[in-house]
Amino acid sequence: MKLQRMNRRALTLGALAVSGALALTACGSDDTGSNSGGDSSAAATGASDIKCDDAKGQLLADGSSAQKNAIDAWVKNFTQACNGVQVNYKGSGSGAGITAFTQGTVAFAGSDSALKPEEVTASKQVCSGGQGINLPMVAGPIAVAYNLSGVENLVLDAPTMAKIFDGKIKNWNDAAIAKLNPDAKLPDLQIQPYHRSDESGTTDNFTKYLIAAAPNDWKYEGGKAWQAKGGQSAAGSSGVAQGVKQTNGAIGYMELSYAKDGLGTVALDTGAAAPVKASSDGATKAVAAAKVVGTGNDLALKLDYTTKAEGAYPITLVTYEIACDKGNKAETLPATKAFLRYLASEQGQGILSGIDYAPIPDSIITKVRTTIEGLS
C-alpha cells in the first residue's frame, strides 16, 4: 500500500510539472508578438521578451563601430523572432552614423558621443516636428591594448599614457613606464601607438579621459577626429586591433570586445588602492555615477573620467542610439521602436556582460524604455 501511495504521488507531481511547463511555454510564445515566426524561433533565441508588433521591412542604421559586436548579437536574436524585419547596421563609425542620420538615409544611428547642438539643429530637417535625441543603450570600457613580448601585466597612469600617444615617450624601457612596472622586463623597443583614422566616438571618449586625467600632458581639444601628430592609424576598432596584433611594441585604444587573440590590456593606475583593468563591471560602476545632462526626452550623460572609486574603470564610453523623438518615417517607425525596445529590455541588456559590454544601470535604462514607447 505504501508503494502504491508513493507511485500515485509521483504521477501527480509529474503531471503538475508538465502542465506548468506547458503554461510557461504558452506565456513565452504570447510575448513574441504576431510576427515572431512561431514558438521555435523564440525558443532558439530565448526571445520571449521580443515584441514584433507591426514591424516589417528593412531597417537601415549606421554609426558606432564600438557597439557593432553588441548590435550583431541583438540583430541575430531580434530577426529570428521578428522574421519579417531585416536589420542592416553598417558600423562605419560615430561620425558617419550621425551624418547619415541628419541626411535622412538611416532610421537610427549609433554614436559614442551625444549629439552636438549643431547636429540637433540639422536633425530637425529630417525629424518632422521633432529632433534627434540620445538614448544611452550600451556601455563599454575602452581597453588600451598592447603587444609586447615578455610583458604580461602592464600598468600605466594617465600622464604616462598621454605622453605615449603624443609621441613624447618613445621607448618601452622609458623611466616613467619602468617606475610603474618595477617587476617587468621592459625591452629597449620603440613604441608604436595606434589611433583611429576615421571620426570616432571611441577617440572622443579616449581623449576626454586624457584631457580630464592628464591636463598637463594632453593639450589637444576633444572630438571625434584624432589630433595628435605621429603614430599609426587604422579605421574602426577592428582596424586598430589588427594593427596592434601585427606589430610587436604596438599599443592602441579600442572597445574591449576587440582586445582579444593574444593582446594584453593595460591596468590603469587611477589613484585607487589597486590598478584597474577594463571590464564590464568596471564600466558599469563608472556609468552608475554619470549624470543625465540632456533635456526633455534627450538622455545624454556626463561621465566622470577622473573617478578614483575602487573598481571603476574611467575610460568608458556610452553608445547612444539616436532617433527622432517625433517625425520618424511611417514605414520604419514600427520596426525602429520594436528593435530599440528589445535593446533596452531586460533580456537585451542581459546579454551584454557576456560579450564584453556593460549594461546601462537601471536608473537610466528605465527612462530609455519610457522614451522609446513615446517615439512617433
Protein backbone atom coordinates (compact mmCIF):
# COMPACT_ATOMS: atom_id res chain seq x y z
CA MET A 1 0.00 0.00 0.00
CA LYS A 2 2.79 2.37 0.91
CA LEU A 3 4.42 1.75 -2.51
CA GLN A 4 1.11 2.42 -4.30
CA ARG A 5 0.69 5.76 -2.46
CA MET A 6 4.22 6.77 -3.43
CA ASN A 7 3.57 5.90 -7.10
CA ARG A 8 0.33 7.88 -7.13
CA ARG A 9 2.09 10.88 -5.56
CA ALA A 10 4.91 10.71 -8.14
CA LEU A 11 2.40 10.63 -11.01
CA THR A 12 0.57 13.63 -9.59
CA LEU A 13 3.77 15.67 -9.25
CA GLY A 14 4.81 14.69 -12.77
CA ALA A 15 1.51 15.86 -14.19
CA LEU A 16 1.81 19.18 -12.37
CA ALA A 17 5.35 19.68 -13.71
CA VAL A 18 4.25 19.03 -17.30
CA SER A 19 1.26 21.35 -17.04
CA GLY A 20 3.46 24.06 -15.51
CA ALA A 21 5.97 23.74 -18.34
CA LEU A 22 3.20 23.98 -20.92
CA ALA A 23 1.85 27.10 -19.24
CA LEU A 24 5.27 28.77 -19.29
CA THR A 25 5.72 27.88 -22.95
CA ALA A 26 2.37 29.42 -23.78
CA CYS A 27 3.26 32.64 -21.96
CA GLY A 28 6.58 32.84 -23.77
CA SER A 29 5.01 32.44 -27.19
CA ASP A 30 2.48 35.20 -26.48
CA ASP A 31 5.27 37.67 -25.74
CA THR A 32 6.97 37.28 -29.08
CA GLY A 33 4.29 39.14 -31.00
CA SER A 34 2.35 38.22 -34.10
CA ASN A 35 5.37 38.25 -36.42
CA SER A 36 7.63 36.16 -34.22
CA GLY A 37 7.95 33.26 -36.62
CA GLY A 38 6.48 30.76 -34.16
CA ASP A 39 7.49 29.23 -30.87
CA SER A 40 10.54 27.53 -32.36
CA SER A 41 12.23 30.88 -33.13
CA ALA A 42 11.55 32.23 -29.67
CA ALA A 43 12.87 29.08 -28.05
CA ALA A 44 16.00 29.10 -30.21
CA THR A 45 16.90 32.67 -29.27
CA GLY A 46 15.44 32.88 -25.79
CA ALA A 47 13.45 35.71 -27.30
CA SER A 48 10.30 35.59 -25.17
CA ASP A 49 10.57 39.34 -24.44
CA ILE A 50 10.73 40.43 -28.09
CA LYS A 51 7.50 42.06 -29.24
CA CYS A 52 7.41 42.45 -33.01
CA ASP A 53 4.07 44.29 -33.21
CA ASP A 54 3.67 45.58 -36.80
CA ALA A 55 7.40 45.63 -37.53
CA LYS A 56 8.32 44.65 -41.07
CA GLY A 57 10.62 45.55 -43.93
CA GLN A 58 14.24 46.71 -43.92
CA LEU A 59 15.72 48.78 -41.12
CA LEU A 60 18.87 50.67 -42.12
CA ALA A 61 21.24 52.04 -39.49
CA ASP A 62 24.87 53.12 -39.24
CA GLY A 63 27.32 54.50 -36.72
CA SER A 64 29.49 53.41 -33.81
CA SER A 65 31.84 50.54 -34.57
CA ALA A 66 32.41 50.12 -30.82
CA GLN A 67 28.90 48.70 -30.39
CA LYS A 68 29.00 46.61 -33.59
CA ASN A 69 29.55 43.29 -31.79
CA ALA A 70 26.63 44.04 -29.46
CA ILE A 71 24.41 45.07 -32.38
CA ASP A 72 25.27 41.84 -34.22
CA ALA A 73 24.16 39.77 -31.21
CA TRP A 74 20.97 41.82 -30.83
CA VAL A 75 20.16 41.60 -34.55
CA LYS A 76 20.53 37.81 -34.53
CA ASN A 77 18.01 37.40 -31.71
CA PHE A 78 15.62 40.05 -32.97
CA THR A 79 15.42 38.95 -36.60
CA GLN A 80 14.95 35.30 -35.66
CA ALA A 81 11.96 36.30 -33.55
CA CYS A 82 10.68 39.00 -35.94
CA ASN A 83 11.36 37.29 -39.23
CA GLY A 84 9.55 40.00 -41.17
CA VAL A 85 12.29 42.53 -40.39
CA GLN A 86 15.78 42.81 -41.86
CA VAL A 87 18.18 44.98 -39.81
CA ASN A 88 21.26 46.30 -41.61
CA TYR A 89 23.73 48.09 -39.30
CA LYS A 90 26.93 49.14 -41.08
CA GLY A 91 29.09 50.26 -38.15
CA SER A 92 31.03 52.85 -40.16
CA GLY A 93 31.85 54.98 -37.10
CA SER A 94 30.00 57.54 -35.00
CA GLY A 95 30.72 60.45 -37.32
CA ALA A 96 29.44 58.60 -40.38
CA GLY A 97 26.36 57.47 -38.47
CA ILE A 98 25.37 60.97 -37.37
CA THR A 99 25.90 62.26 -40.93
CA ALA A 100 23.70 59.51 -42.33
CA PHE A 101 21.02 60.26 -39.72
CA THR A 102 20.95 64.02 -40.35
CA GLN A 103 20.77 63.32 -44.09
CA GLY A 104 17.77 61.06 -43.56
CA THR A 105 19.31 57.91 -45.06
CA VAL A 106 19.01 55.74 -41.92
CA ALA A 107 16.22 55.09 -39.42
CA PHE A 108 18.56 55.50 -36.45
CA ALA A 109 22.25 55.94 -35.77
CA GLY A 110 24.71 54.77 -33.13
CA SER A 111 27.16 57.24 -31.63
CA ASP A 112 29.65 57.03 -28.77
CA SER A 113 29.22 60.76 -28.25
CA ALA A 114 26.00 62.67 -27.71
CA LEU A 115 24.70 64.93 -30.46
CA LYS A 116 26.24 68.38 -30.60
CA PRO A 117 23.89 71.42 -30.73
CA GLU A 118 24.53 71.91 -34.44
CA GLU A 119 23.76 68.23 -35.09
CA VAL A 120 20.48 68.54 -33.18
CA THR A 121 19.62 71.52 -35.40
CA ALA A 122 20.46 69.53 -38.54
CA SER A 123 18.29 66.62 -37.34
CA LYS A 124 15.20 68.83 -37.32
CA GLN A 125 15.31 68.80 -41.12
CA VAL A 126 14.58 65.04 -41.15
CA CYS A 127 12.52 64.73 -37.95
CA SER A 128 9.27 66.35 -38.98
CA GLY A 129 8.11 68.37 -35.98
CA GLY A 130 10.77 66.83 -33.74
CA GLN A 131 14.52 66.36 -33.37
CA GLY A 132 17.18 63.73 -32.82
CA ILE A 133 17.56 62.51 -29.25
CA ASN A 134 20.24 60.47 -27.46
CA LEU A 135 19.19 57.11 -25.98
CA PRO A 136 22.04 55.53 -23.93
CA MET A 137 21.88 51.83 -24.79
CA VAL A 138 25.19 50.12 -24.20
CA ALA A 139 28.30 50.92 -22.20
CA GLY A 140 31.74 49.61 -22.89
CA PRO A 141 35.20 50.01 -21.46
CA ILE A 142 37.77 51.37 -23.90
CA ALA A 143 40.66 49.00 -23.47
CA VAL A 144 44.20 50.18 -24.06
CA ALA A 145 45.60 47.04 -25.66
CA TYR A 146 49.26 46.30 -26.31
CA ASN A 147 51.51 43.77 -28.00
CA LEU A 148 54.78 43.49 -26.11
CA SER A 149 56.65 40.19 -25.94
CA GLY A 150 57.51 39.12 -22.40
CA VAL A 151 55.29 41.68 -20.65
CA GLU A 152 52.02 40.27 -19.36
CA ASN A 153 50.82 42.82 -16.79
CA LEU A 154 51.40 46.40 -17.87
CA VAL A 155 50.38 49.30 -15.63
CA LEU A 156 50.08 52.88 -16.91
CA ASP A 157 48.68 56.09 -15.50
CA ALA A 158 47.05 58.93 -17.41
CA PRO A 159 50.11 61.23 -17.72
CA THR A 160 52.32 58.40 -18.99
CA MET A 161 49.66 57.27 -21.44
CA ALA A 162 49.21 60.82 -22.72
CA LYS A 163 52.95 61.10 -23.39
CA ILE A 164 52.98 57.75 -25.19
CA PHE A 165 50.14 58.67 -27.57
CA ASP A 166 51.62 62.14 -28.10
CA GLY A 167 54.99 60.66 -29.06
CA LYS A 168 56.86 62.15 -26.09
CA ILE A 169 57.65 58.73 -24.62
CA LYS A 170 59.16 56.75 -27.44
CA ASN A 171 60.63 53.54 -25.96
CA TRP A 172 59.14 50.83 -23.78
CA ASN A 173 62.01 50.96 -21.27
CA ASP A 174 61.41 54.66 -20.56
CA ALA A 175 61.88 55.59 -16.89
CA ALA A 176 58.24 56.65 -16.46
CA ILE A 177 56.95 53.24 -17.62
CA ALA A 178 59.61 51.41 -15.59
CA LYS A 179 58.57 53.24 -12.41
CA LEU A 180 55.00 51.97 -12.81
CA ASN A 181 56.20 48.44 -13.62
CA PRO A 182 59.15 47.67 -11.33
CA ASP A 183 58.91 43.89 -11.80
CA ALA A 184 58.54 43.89 -15.60
CA LYS A 185 61.37 43.24 -18.04
CA LEU A 186 60.73 46.15 -20.39
CA PRO A 187 62.57 45.87 -23.71
CA ASP A 188 64.55 48.60 -25.42
CA LEU A 189 61.97 48.73 -28.19
CA GLN A 190 60.27 51.60 -29.98
CA ILE A 191 56.61 52.18 -29.06
CA GLN A 192 54.17 52.08 -31.99
CA PRO A 193 50.97 53.87 -30.90
CA TYR A 194 47.86 53.25 -33.00
CA HIS A 195 44.87 55.58 -33.26
CA ARG A 196 41.67 55.77 -35.30
CA SER A 197 41.86 57.23 -38.81
CA ASP A 198 38.09 57.80 -39.02
CA GLU A 199 35.97 60.13 -36.93
CA SER A 200 35.12 58.08 -33.88
CA GLY A 201 33.27 58.38 -30.60
CA THR A 202 35.87 55.99 -29.19
CA THR A 203 38.54 58.60 -29.96
CA ASP A 204 36.33 61.30 -28.44
CA ASN A 205 35.91 59.41 -25.17
CA PHE A 206 39.55 58.30 -25.01
CA THR A 207 40.81 61.84 -25.45
CA LYS A 208 38.22 63.20 -22.99
CA TYR A 209 39.83 60.87 -20.44
CA LEU A 210 43.32 62.20 -21.26
CA ILE A 211 42.10 65.82 -21.10
CA ALA A 212 40.47 65.26 -17.70
CA ALA A 213 43.04 62.96 -16.09
CA ALA A 214 46.26 64.35 -17.60
CA PRO A 215 45.57 68.04 -18.33
CA ASN A 216 49.26 68.98 -18.11
CA ASP A 217 50.32 66.37 -20.65
CA TRP A 218 47.48 66.32 -23.19
CA LYS A 219 46.97 69.75 -24.74
CA TYR A 220 44.66 68.83 -27.59
CA GLU A 221 40.97 69.56 -27.82
CA GLY A 222 38.48 66.73 -27.67
CA GLY A 223 36.47 65.50 -30.62
CA LYS A 224 35.89 62.53 -32.86
CA ALA A 225 38.95 63.23 -35.02
CA TRP A 226 42.43 62.33 -33.75
CA GLN A 227 44.55 65.48 -33.39
CA ALA A 228 47.98 64.45 -32.10
CA LYS A 229 50.75 64.03 -34.67
CA GLY A 230 52.59 60.83 -35.48
CA GLY A 231 51.72 57.24 -34.71
CA GLN A 232 49.92 54.72 -36.89
CA SER A 233 46.27 54.96 -37.89
CA ALA A 234 43.59 52.45 -38.83
CA ALA A 235 39.86 52.52 -39.50
CA GLY A 236 37.49 51.23 -36.83
CA SER A 237 38.19 49.43 -33.59
CA SER A 238 38.77 46.27 -35.62
CA GLY A 239 41.44 48.00 -37.71
CA VAL A 240 43.28 49.33 -34.66
CA ALA A 241 43.14 45.89 -33.03
CA GLN A 242 44.51 44.24 -36.16
CA GLY A 243 47.37 46.74 -36.38
CA VAL A 244 48.37 46.20 -32.76
CA LYS A 245 48.21 42.41 -33.17
CA GLN A 246 50.58 42.53 -36.13
CA THR A 247 53.20 44.77 -34.52
CA ASN A 248 55.41 43.89 -31.58
CA GLY A 249 55.75 47.05 -29.49
CA ALA A 250 52.35 48.44 -30.53
CA ILE A 251 49.67 49.95 -28.32
CA GLY A 252 46.21 51.24 -29.20
CA TYR A 253 42.76 52.03 -27.81
CA MET A 254 39.68 50.03 -28.74
CA GLU A 255 36.41 48.78 -27.34
CA LEU A 256 37.13 45.82 -25.04
CA SER A 257 35.49 43.14 -27.18
CA TYR A 258 38.18 43.74 -29.84
CA ALA A 259 41.08 43.28 -27.39
CA LYS A 260 41.49 39.55 -27.88
CA ASP A 261 43.70 36.94 -29.53
CA GLY A 262 46.91 37.48 -27.60
CA LEU A 263 46.62 41.19 -26.89
CA GLY A 264 47.32 42.40 -23.35
CA THR A 265 45.24 45.14 -21.76
CA VAL A 266 46.67 47.94 -19.65
CA ALA A 267 45.74 48.21 -15.97
CA LEU A 268 45.10 51.87 -15.11
CA ASP A 269 46.62 53.48 -12.05
CA THR A 270 43.72 55.82 -11.22
CA GLY A 271 44.81 56.67 -7.71
CA ALA A 272 42.62 53.94 -6.22
CA ALA A 273 44.12 51.27 -3.98
CA ALA A 274 44.85 48.99 -6.93
CA PRO A 275 45.20 49.47 -10.71
CA VAL A 276 42.03 48.55 -12.59
CA LYS A 277 41.71 46.72 -15.90
CA ALA A 278 38.99 47.21 -18.46
CA SER A 279 35.95 45.09 -17.59
CA SER A 280 32.17 45.13 -17.87
CA ASP A 281 31.77 45.51 -14.11
CA GLY A 282 34.29 48.37 -14.03
CA ALA A 283 32.42 50.18 -16.80
CA THR A 284 29.04 49.75 -15.09
CA LYS A 285 30.49 51.22 -11.88
CA ALA A 286 31.73 54.22 -13.85
CA VAL A 287 28.42 54.77 -15.68
CA ALA A 288 26.41 54.45 -12.46
CA ALA A 289 27.94 57.76 -11.34
CA ALA A 290 27.04 59.52 -14.60
CA LYS A 291 24.57 62.41 -14.65
CA VAL A 292 21.79 62.94 -17.18
CA VAL A 293 22.50 66.32 -18.77
CA GLY A 294 20.06 66.11 -21.67
CA THR A 295 16.75 67.97 -21.52
CA GLY A 296 13.25 66.75 -22.30
CA ASN A 297 13.37 63.35 -23.99
CA ASP A 298 17.12 63.60 -24.53
CA LEU A 299 19.10 61.36 -22.17
CA ALA A 300 22.68 62.45 -22.85
CA LEU A 301 25.03 61.59 -19.97
CA LYS A 302 28.09 63.23 -18.42
CA LEU A 303 30.74 60.76 -17.25
CA ASP A 304 33.37 61.29 -14.54
CA TYR A 305 36.68 60.45 -16.24
CA THR A 306 38.69 61.19 -13.08
CA THR A 307 36.91 58.80 -10.74
CA LYS A 308 39.05 57.10 -8.11
CA ALA A 309 36.30 54.76 -6.93
CA GLU A 310 37.53 51.24 -6.27
CA GLY A 311 36.96 49.01 -9.27
CA ALA A 312 35.60 51.80 -11.50
CA TYR A 313 37.21 51.89 -14.94
CA PRO A 314 37.22 55.51 -16.11
CA ILE A 315 37.93 55.09 -19.85
CA THR A 316 34.37 54.09 -20.55
CA LEU A 317 32.08 55.10 -23.35
CA VAL A 318 28.32 55.09 -23.61
CA THR A 319 26.89 54.41 -27.03
CA TYR A 320 23.67 56.23 -27.82
CA GLU A 321 21.07 55.11 -30.31
CA ILE A 322 19.94 58.31 -31.99
CA ALA A 323 16.38 58.54 -33.27
CA CYS A 324 13.76 61.19 -33.90
CA ASP A 325 11.55 61.83 -30.88
CA LYS A 326 8.82 62.87 -33.34
CA GLY A 327 8.56 62.72 -37.10
CA ASN A 328 10.06 59.26 -37.72
CA LYS A 329 9.25 57.84 -41.14
CA ALA A 330 5.96 55.95 -41.00
CA GLU A 331 7.32 52.97 -42.92
CA THR A 332 10.20 52.37 -40.48
CA LEU A 333 8.73 53.56 -37.16
CA PRO A 334 7.23 50.19 -36.08
CA ALA A 335 10.50 48.33 -36.75
CA THR A 336 12.58 51.07 -35.13
CA LYS A 337 10.51 51.01 -31.95
CA ALA A 338 10.39 47.22 -31.80
CA PHE A 339 14.16 46.89 -32.24
CA LEU A 340 15.06 49.64 -29.77
CA ARG A 341 12.52 48.26 -27.29
CA TYR A 342 14.31 44.90 -27.38
CA LEU A 343 17.75 46.53 -26.94
CA ALA A 344 16.53 48.32 -23.82
CA SER A 345 14.67 45.34 -22.40
CA GLU A 346 15.98 43.24 -19.52
CA GLN A 347 16.73 40.48 -21.99
CA GLY A 348 18.54 42.75 -24.44
CA GLN A 349 20.63 44.35 -21.71
CA GLY A 350 21.17 40.96 -20.11
CA ILE A 351 23.34 39.61 -22.93
CA LEU A 352 25.88 42.46 -22.78
CA SER A 353 28.13 41.34 -19.94
CA GLY A 354 28.71 38.01 -21.64
CA ILE A 355 30.14 39.71 -24.75
CA ASP A 356 32.45 42.21 -23.00
CA TYR A 357 30.00 45.11 -22.85
CA ALA A 358 28.30 46.71 -19.85
CA PRO A 359 24.55 47.14 -19.38
CA ILE A 360 23.14 50.58 -18.69
CA PRO A 361 22.27 50.98 -14.96
CA ASP A 362 18.60 50.50 -14.06
CA SER A 363 18.10 54.13 -13.03
CA ILE A 364 18.90 55.22 -16.59
CA ILE A 365 17.61 52.35 -18.76
CA THR A 366 14.12 52.64 -17.27
CA LYS A 367 13.96 56.20 -18.61
CA VAL A 368 15.16 54.94 -22.00
CA ARG A 369 12.31 52.39 -22.12
CA THR A 370 9.70 55.06 -21.38
CA THR A 371 11.15 57.37 -24.06
CA ILE A 372 11.12 54.61 -26.70
CA GLU A 373 7.42 53.97 -26.16
CA GLY A 374 6.76 57.65 -26.88
CA LEU A 375 8.59 57.76 -30.22
CA SER A 376 6.27 58.83 -33.02
